[in-house]
Amino acid sequence: MAGTALRGRLTWQQATVTGLVAETSNTRSIVFDLPDWPGHRAGQHVDVRLTAEDGYQAERSYSIASAPEDPHVVLTVERLDDGEVSPYLVDELRIGDEVELRGPVGGHFVWESTCDSPVLLVAGGSGVVPFRSMLRHHAAAGSTVPMRLLYSARSRETLIYADEFTRLGGRGGIDIRVTLTRENPGTWPGERGRIDRDFLTRTGLPPAEEPLVYVCGPTAFVETVANTLVDLGHGPGRIRTERFGGTGTP
């Protein structure tokens, strides 16, 4: 499906659940079969609509976790205890169920394998979901462009895609650095603490390399990271952000 994303009026279509993967205790990936899917670009999202028996409808947007080259559309959803849609998607949805999807949506927060600039990805919590699509796209396309992911999570138990990122790290220019903010296990081999100025200085790509930078996570996280990157010398025009509310600070 690579490169086949179509632009035009988006319509709702029925998506059938064909797979479910528990990523953490409150996050799972949902594999959908969409016969009329037009293809997507790494970093785009979709709208999901649920309709109750009394006709009440609720819609939410979710980043696409699968690469354009993958055979199915995959969403990774974190359950919000006060959410209207995510508890159903994480706890109730079963294989064979159908939901309505509309998309793909968005043309700014995307990465194409034809881009030859180094890439810095900065994720807080479930903000890592669109970066899984970019990393898989990078690997599938055989890109050798440096792509570094800085990923902040509360604890080892809340890490999403831990096994997959272990396999992808170090392949074809992919470099993944994980930091835990609320746990300090003696056996943890990675970084500890928040993604702050010191962390970005030590582990981020330097401004002199003019990387394209993508930041995704809770609003406060994104604003802090983006402002810090500008202070460190990264051009504002090379920083792309995507934010969401409700999951707190990772």
Foldseek 3Di string as FASTA:
>chain_A
DPPQDDDDDKDKDKWFWADWADQFPFKIKTWTDGPPDRFDFQQFKKKWWDADPVGDIDIDIFHFQAASPDPTTMTMAGDFPPDDPSCCVRPPDDGGDITIMIDRDDDPRGDDLVDQAAEEEEEWQPQCRSVNRVLVNCVVVLRLRAYEYEYEDADPRRDGCVVVCVVSDPPSNYHYAYEHEHDDDPPDPGHYHDCALVNCVVPNDQQVSQHQYEYEEAPVNQVRVLVSVVVRPHDNVSYHYDHDDRPDGD
